[in-house]
C-alpha atoms as a PDB file:
ATOM      1  CA  MET A   1      16.062  32.159 -24.111  1.00  0.00           C
ATOM      2  CA  ARG A   2      15.162  32.000 -20.467  1.00  0.00           C
ATOM      3  CA  LEU A   3      11.511  30.217 -21.444  1.00  0.00           C
ATOM      4  CA  ILE A   4      13.338  28.026 -23.407  1.00  0.00           C
ATOM      5  CA  ASP A   5      15.653  27.196 -20.766  1.00  0.00           C
ATOM      6  CA  ASN A   6      13.189  26.245 -18.737  1.00  0.00           C
ATOM      7  CA  LEU A   7      11.357  24.529 -20.931  1.00  0.00           C
ATOM      8  CA  ARG A   8      14.906  22.311 -21.303  1.00  0.00           C
ATOM      9  CA  ARG A   9      15.071  22.237 -17.847  1.00  0.00           C
ATOM     10  CA  PRO A  10      11.959  21.856 -15.969  1.00  0.00           C
ATOM     11  CA  ASP A  11      11.865  22.016 -11.845  1.00  0.00           C
ATOM     12  CA  TRP A  12      11.123  17.940 -10.922  1.00  0.00           C
ATOM     13  CA  LEU A  13      10.455  19.011  -7.486  1.00  0.00           C
ATOM     14  CA  ASP A  14       7.753  21.071  -8.666  1.00  0.00           C
ATOM     15  CA  GLU A  15       6.739  18.412 -11.216  1.00  0.00           C
ATOM     16  CA  LEU A  16       6.736  15.635  -8.579  1.00  0.00           C
ATOM     17  CA  HIS A  17       5.161  17.372  -6.217  1.00  0.00           C
ATOM     18  CA  SER A  18       1.844  18.024  -8.554  1.00  0.00           C
ATOM     19  CA  LEU A  19       2.152  14.411  -9.584  1.00  0.00           C
ATOM     20  CA  LEU A  20       2.340  13.342  -5.828  1.00  0.00           C
ATOM     21  CA  LEU A  21      -0.640  15.698  -5.353  1.00  0.00           C
ATOM     22  CA  PHE A  22      -2.883  13.780  -8.427  1.00  0.00           C
ATOM     23  CA  ALA A  23      -1.525  10.618  -6.389  1.00  0.00           C
ATOM     24  CA  VAL A  24      -3.087  11.647  -3.336  1.00  0.00           C
ATOM     25  CA  THR A  25      -6.071  12.890  -4.458  1.00  0.00           C
ATOM     26  CA  GLY A  26      -6.643   9.280  -6.504  1.00  0.00           C
ATOM     27  CA  THR A  27      -5.866   7.029  -3.589  1.00  0.00           C
ATOM     28  CA  GLY A  28      -8.165   9.081  -1.325  1.00  0.00           C
ATOM     29  CA  LEU A  29     -11.150   8.496  -3.827  1.00  0.00           C
ATOM     30  CA  ALA A  30     -10.309   5.134  -4.573  1.00  0.00           C
ATOM     31  CA  VAL A  31     -10.306   4.515  -0.786  1.00  0.00           C
ATOM     32  CA  VAL A  32     -13.422   6.140  -0.072  1.00  0.00           C
ATOM     33  CA  GLY A  33     -15.233   4.267  -3.833  1.00  0.00           C
ATOM     34  CA  GLY A  34     -14.359   1.110  -2.831  1.00  0.00           C
ATOM     35  CA  VAL A  35     -15.526   1.235   0.987  1.00  0.00           C
ATOM     36  CA  ILE A  36     -18.595   2.606  -0.468  1.00  0.00           C
ATOM     37  CA  ALA A  37     -18.948   0.088  -3.070  1.00  0.00           C
ATOM     38  CA  THR A  38     -18.764  -2.873  -0.203  1.00  0.00           C
ATOM     39  CA  LEU A  39     -20.945  -1.676   1.820  1.00  0.00           C
ATOM     40  CA  SER A  40     -23.782  -0.851  -0.842  1.00  0.00           C
ATOM     41  CA  GLY A  41     -23.708  -4.738  -0.407  1.00  0.00           C
ATOM     42  CA  ARG A  42     -22.141  -5.761  -3.948  1.00  0.00           C
ATOM     43  CA  ALA A  43     -21.105  -9.721  -3.961  1.00  0.00           C
ATOM     44  CA  LEU A  44     -17.876 -10.419  -2.613  1.00  0.00           C
ATOM     45  CA  GLU A  45     -15.461 -13.083  -3.788  1.00  0.00           C
ATOM     46  CA  VAL A  46     -14.068 -15.093  -0.969  1.00  0.00           C
ATOM     47  CA  ASP A  47     -11.143 -18.024  -1.352  1.00  0.00           C
ATOM     48  CA  VAL A  48     -11.464 -21.010   0.614  1.00  0.00           C
ATOM     49  CA  ALA A  49     -10.239 -24.368   0.265  1.00  0.00           C
ATOM     50  CA  SER A  50     -11.574 -26.883  -1.921  1.00  0.00           C
ATOM     51  CA  ASP A  51     -10.731 -29.671   0.360  1.00  0.00           C
ATOM     52  CA  GLY A  52     -14.611 -30.756   1.757  1.00  0.00           C
ATOM     53  CA  ALA A  53     -16.190 -28.759  -0.626  1.00  0.00           C
ATOM     54  CA  LEU A  54     -15.935 -30.906  -4.000  1.00  0.00           C
ATOM     55  CA  ARG A  55     -15.419 -34.146  -4.318  1.00  0.00           C
ATOM     56  CA  PRO A  56     -12.043 -35.443  -6.182  1.00  0.00           C
ATOM     57  CA  ASP A  57     -14.106 -36.324  -9.045  1.00  0.00           C
ATOM     58  CA  ALA A  58     -16.112 -33.037  -9.497  1.00  0.00           C
ATOM     59  CA  LEU A  59     -13.917 -32.193 -12.489  1.00  0.00           C
ATOM     60  CA  VAL A  60     -15.435 -33.438 -15.798  1.00  0.00           C
ATOM     61  CA  GLY A  61     -13.731 -34.045 -19.081  1.00  0.00           C
ATOM     62  CA  ALA A  62     -10.201 -32.767 -17.573  1.00  0.00           C
ATOM     63  CA  PRO A  63      -7.453 -34.743 -19.357  1.00  0.00           C
ATOM     64  CA  PRO A  64      -4.952 -36.809 -17.619  1.00  0.00           C
ATOM     65  CA  GLY A  65      -2.721 -34.934 -15.185  1.00  0.00           C
ATOM     66  CA  VAL A  66      -4.914 -32.347 -14.891  1.00  0.00           C
ATOM     67  CA  SER A  67      -7.358 -31.527 -11.248  1.00  0.00           C
ATOM     68  CA  LEU A  68      -8.339 -29.486  -8.922  1.00  0.00           C
ATOM     69  CA  GLY A  69      -6.483 -27.152  -6.781  1.00  0.00           C
ATOM     70  CA  ASN A  70      -6.562 -25.961  -3.475  1.00  0.00           C
ATOM     71  CA  VAL A  71      -8.515 -23.283  -3.885  1.00  0.00           C
ATOM     72  CA  LEU A  72     -11.587 -22.715  -4.914  1.00  0.00           C
ATOM     73  CA  HIS A  73     -13.143 -19.221  -5.546  1.00  0.00           C
ATOM     74  CA  LEU A  74     -16.304 -18.127  -4.765  1.00  0.00           C
ATOM     75  CA  ARG A  75     -19.130 -15.213  -5.107  1.00  0.00           C
ATOM     76  CA  VAL A  76     -21.334 -14.205  -2.352  1.00  0.00           C
ATOM     77  CA  GLU A  77     -24.171 -12.625  -3.965  1.00  0.00           C
ATOM     78  CA  ASP A  78     -25.854 -11.582  -0.436  1.00  0.00           C
ATOM     79  CA  PRO A  79     -23.035 -10.580   1.929  1.00  0.00           C
ATOM     80  CA  ASP A  80     -23.572  -9.761   5.783  1.00  0.00           C
ATOM     81  CA  GLY A  81     -22.362  -7.523   8.106  1.00  0.00           C
ATOM     82  CA  ALA A  82     -19.368  -9.745   9.380  1.00  0.00           C
ATOM     83  CA  GLN A  83     -18.740 -10.621   5.624  1.00  0.00           C
ATOM     84  CA  LEU A  84     -18.560  -6.887   4.691  1.00  0.00           C
ATOM     85  CA  THR A  85     -16.440  -6.004   7.770  1.00  0.00           C
ATOM     86  CA  TRP A  86     -13.452  -8.696   6.585  1.00  0.00           C
ATOM     87  CA  ALA A  87     -14.055  -8.127   3.474  1.00  0.00           C
ATOM     88  CA  ILE A  88     -13.095  -4.187   4.264  1.00  0.00           C
ATOM     89  CA  LEU A  89     -10.311  -5.207   6.343  1.00  0.00           C
ATOM     90  CA  THR A  90      -8.721  -7.345   3.770  1.00  0.00           C
ATOM     91  CA  THR A  91      -7.879  -4.094   1.885  1.00  0.00           C
ATOM     92  CA  LEU A  92      -8.634  -0.959   3.354  1.00  0.00           C
ATOM     93  CA  PRO A  93      -5.443  -1.123   5.801  1.00  0.00           C
ATOM     94  CA  ARG A  94      -3.056  -0.984   2.827  1.00  0.00           C
ATOM     95  CA  GLN A  95      -4.953   1.483   1.392  1.00  0.00           C
ATOM     96  CA  LEU A  96      -4.809   3.444   3.820  1.00  0.00           C
ATOM     97  CA  LEU A  97      -0.876   3.183   4.787  1.00  0.00           C
ATOM     98  CA  ILE A  98      -0.358   3.939   0.956  1.00  0.00           C
ATOM     99  CA  LEU A  99      -2.276   6.811   1.391  1.00  0.00           C
ATOM    100  CA  ALA A 100      -0.542   8.019   4.621  1.00  0.00           C
ATOM    101  CA  ALA A 101       2.547   7.643   2.612  1.00  0.00           C
ATOM    102  CA  LEU A 102       1.985   9.626  -0.062  1.00  0.00           C
ATOM    103  CA  VAL A 103       0.625  12.353   1.975  1.00  0.00           C
ATOM    104  CA  LEU A 104       4.172  12.706   4.054  1.00  0.00           C
ATOM    105  CA  LEU A 105       5.969  12.780   0.486  1.00  0.00           C
ATOM    106  CA  TRP A 106       3.715  15.265  -0.900  1.00  0.00           C
ATOM    107  CA  ARG A 107       4.741  17.879   1.927  1.00  0.00           C
ATOM    108  CA  SER A 108       7.898  16.959   2.358  1.00  0.00           C
ATOM    109  CA  VAL A 109       8.440  17.590  -1.783  1.00  0.00           C
ATOM    110  CA  GLY A 110       6.493  20.992  -1.359  1.00  0.00           C
ATOM    111  CA  ARG A 111       8.491  21.664   1.865  1.00  0.00           C
ATOM    112  CA  ALA A 112      12.108  21.051  -0.143  1.00  0.00           C
ATOM    113  CA  ARG A 113      10.666  22.901  -2.950  1.00  0.00           C
ATOM    114  CA  ARG A 114       9.439  26.197  -1.309  1.00  0.00           C
ATOM    115  CA  GLU A 115      12.278  26.462   1.300  1.00  0.00           C
ATOM    116  CA  ASP A 116      15.552  24.915   1.794  1.00  0.00           C
ATOM    117  CA  PRO A 117      15.721  20.473   0.729  1.00  0.00           C
ATOM    118  CA  PHE A 118      18.688  20.678   3.878  1.00  0.00           C
ATOM    119  CA  GLY A 119      16.164  23.139   6.007  1.00  0.00           C
ATOM    120  CA  PRO A 120      15.370  21.865   9.336  1.00  0.00           C
ATOM    121  CA  GLY A 121      12.519  19.389   9.261  1.00  0.00           C
ATOM    122  CA  MET A 122      13.310  17.997   6.469  1.00  0.00           C
ATOM    123  CA  ALA A 123      15.252  14.690   7.379  1.00  0.00           C
ATOM    124  CA  GLY A 124      12.504  14.730  10.446  1.00  0.00           C
ATOM    125  CA  GLY A 125      10.286  14.381   7.359  1.00  0.00           C
ATOM    126  CA  PHE A 126      11.348  11.396   5.807  1.00  0.00           C
ATOM    127  CA  ARG A 127      12.426   9.804   9.078  1.00  0.00           C
ATOM    128  CA  ARG A 128       9.108   9.582  10.103  1.00  0.00           C
ATOM    129  CA  LEU A 129       8.011   8.091   6.449  1.00  0.00           C
ATOM    130  CA  GLY A 130      10.724   5.717   6.833  1.00  0.00           C
ATOM    131  CA  LEU A 131       8.739   4.455  10.455  1.00  0.00           C
ATOM    132  CA  LEU A 132       5.430   4.589   8.739  1.00  0.00           C
ATOM    133  CA  LEU A 133       6.634   2.053   6.172  1.00  0.00           C
ATOM    134  CA  VAL A 134       8.805  -0.193   8.708  1.00  0.00           C
ATOM    135  CA  VAL A 135       6.064  -0.924  11.344  1.00  0.00           C
ATOM    136  CA  GLY A 136       2.842   0.087   9.616  1.00  0.00           C
ATOM    137  CA  GLY A 137       3.841  -2.376   6.646  1.00  0.00           C
ATOM    138  CA  PRO A 138       4.126  -5.432   8.640  1.00  0.00           C
ATOM    139  CA  VAL A 139       1.152  -4.533  10.729  1.00  0.00           C
ATOM    140  CA  VAL A 140      -1.224  -4.085   7.631  1.00  0.00           C
ATOM    141  CA  TRP A 141       0.226  -7.653   6.065  1.00  0.00           C
ATOM    142  CA  VAL A 142      -0.963  -9.408   9.260  1.00  0.00           C
ATOM    143  CA  VAL A 143      -4.365  -7.592   9.718  1.00  0.00           C
ATOM    144  CA  GLU A 144      -5.066  -8.218   6.042  1.00  0.00           C
ATOM    145  CA  PHE A 145      -4.227 -11.941   6.301  1.00  0.00           C
ATOM    146  CA  VAL A 146      -6.269 -11.989   9.368  1.00  0.00           C
ATOM    147  CA  ALA A 147      -9.330 -10.763   7.549  1.00  0.00           C
ATOM    148  CA  ARG A 148      -8.850 -12.611   4.601  1.00  0.00           C
ATOM    149  CA  PHE A 149      -8.485 -16.240   6.805  1.00  0.00           C
ATOM    150  CA  ALA A 150     -11.579 -14.933   9.270  1.00  0.00           C
ATOM    151  CA  LEU A 151     -13.889 -13.866   5.589  1.00  0.00           C
ATOM    152  CA  SER A 152     -13.352 -17.165   4.183  1.00  0.00           C
ATOM    153  CA  GLY A 153     -14.384 -18.972   6.979  1.00  0.00           C
ATOM    154  CA  THR A 154     -17.914 -16.807   6.547  1.00  0.00           C
ATOM    155  CA  ALA A 155     -18.374 -18.966   3.423  1.00  0.00           C
ATOM    156  CA  GLY A 156     -20.526 -21.990   5.369  1.00  0.00           C
ATOM    157  CA  VAL A 157     -18.194 -24.050   2.569  1.00  0.00           C
ATOM    158  CA  GLY A 158     -14.942 -25.457   2.312  1.00  0.00           C
ATOM    159  CA  GLY A 159     -12.004 -24.644   4.562  1.00  0.00           C
ATOM    160  CA  THR A 160     -10.841 -21.635   5.863  1.00  0.00           C
ATOM    161  CA  TYR A 161      -8.137 -20.218   3.425  1.00  0.00           C
ATOM    162  CA  ALA A 162      -5.742 -17.225   2.987  1.00  0.00           C
ATOM    163  CA  SER A 163      -2.416 -16.928   0.871  1.00  0.00           C
ATOM    164  CA  MET A 164       0.540 -15.102   2.438  1.00  0.00           C
ATOM    165  CA  ASP A 165       3.224 -13.519   0.205  1.00  0.00           C
ATOM    166  CA  PHE A 166       6.247 -12.975   2.495  1.00  0.00           C
ATOM    167  CA  LEU A 167       7.891 -11.196   0.179  1.00  0.00           C
ATOM    168  CA  VAL A 168       5.006  -7.839   1.320  1.00  0.00           C
ATOM    169  CA  PRO A 169       6.598  -7.192   4.165  1.00  0.00           C
ATOM    170  CA  PHE A 170      10.366  -6.737   3.041  1.00  0.00           C
ATOM    171  CA  ALA A 171       9.346  -4.695   0.055  1.00  0.00           C
ATOM    172  CA  TRP A 172       7.454  -2.590   2.903  1.00  0.00           C
ATOM    173  CA  LEU A 173      10.653  -2.707   5.043  1.00  0.00           C
ATOM    174  CA  PHE A 174      12.898  -1.551   1.660  1.00  0.00           C
ATOM    175  CA  CYS A 175      10.736   1.485   1.238  1.00  0.00           C
ATOM    176  CA  GLY A 176      11.002   1.881   4.662  1.00  0.00           C
ATOM    177  CA  PHE A 177      14.753   1.872   5.173  1.00  0.00           C
ATOM    178  CA  GLY A 178      14.956   4.208   1.528  1.00  0.00           C
ATOM    179  CA  ALA A 179      12.937   6.867   3.558  1.00  0.00           C
ATOM    180  CA  PHE A 180      15.419   6.465   6.562  1.00  0.00           C
ATOM    181  CA  ALA A 181      18.276   6.313   3.934  1.00  0.00           C
ATOM    182  CA  ILE A 182      17.381   9.638   2.251  1.00  0.00           C
ATOM    183  CA  GLY A 183      16.701  11.858   6.056  1.00  0.00           C
ATOM    184  CA  GLU A 184      20.295  10.552   6.543  1.00  0.00           C
ATOM    185  CA  VAL A 185      21.734  11.916   3.935  1.00  0.00           C
ATOM    186  CA  LEU A 186      19.469  15.404   4.020  1.00  0.00           C
ATOM    187  CA  ARG A 187      20.702  15.442   7.748  1.00  0.00           C
ATOM    188  CA  ARG A 188      24.650  15.127   6.706  1.00  0.00           C
ATOM    189  CA  GLY A 189      24.142  17.427   4.077  1.00  0.00           C
ATOM    190  CA  ARG A 190      22.733  20.082   6.394  1.00  0.00           C
ATOM    191  CA  MET A 191      25.855  19.636   8.584  1.00  0.00           C
ATOM    192  CA  LEU A 192      28.206  19.599   6.136  1.00  0.00           C
ATOM    193  CA  ARG A 193      26.707  22.741   4.897  1.00  0.00           C
ATOM    194  CA  ALA A 194      26.664  24.340   8.538  1.00  0.00           C
ATOM    195  CA  GLU A 195      30.798  23.419   8.748  1.00  0.00           C
ATOM    196  CA  LEU A 196      31.221  24.906   5.360  1.00  0.00           C
ATOM    197  CA  ASP A 197      29.363  28.333   6.427  1.00  0.00           C
ATOM    198  CA  GLY A 198      31.649  28.065   9.584  1.00  0.00           C
ATOM    199  CA  VAL A 199      34.843  27.600   7.203  1.00  0.00           C
ATOM    200  CA  VAL A 200      33.660  30.894   4.716  1.00  0.00           C
END
């Protein structure tokens, strides 16, 4: 009966801890693999502004009302050192931020599973996670935008181009404030339990 009860009521903290470990490992391998693949000199995909690179009538056979867009996707077969550096900086900062956030979350969940979810340090762990996301997210967003813009300028054709999605920093801020909120819930829960222990 106890085994059946355990199967019906899984330890979700343990399940989440294992899942986060898998995510940390997979993300770490993906980061290392991506850097190695880029440094190996593989062809790079570079976006440039189509103005100046193509004539307005360069599109042949298009039906009326169809024209070239503002972005031209180029393939650089033999990138130089500067291009490789900028290419790495277009993705690596975000990947490292995600990896760091997963590690902090994995450690916090592991502590909650082994010890007391309302124990000392739990609220601080989520506050550190929130600070990492609130500060690191917008910084990473700007760094990657600058890297894409600089990489576009190394193509030697067309104009420089880099897209900027303004929803990205808000997503980081939302996740960061969510971590702050969880930390505050844990802090208040610890205080409430201390008060109840004092009454009892």
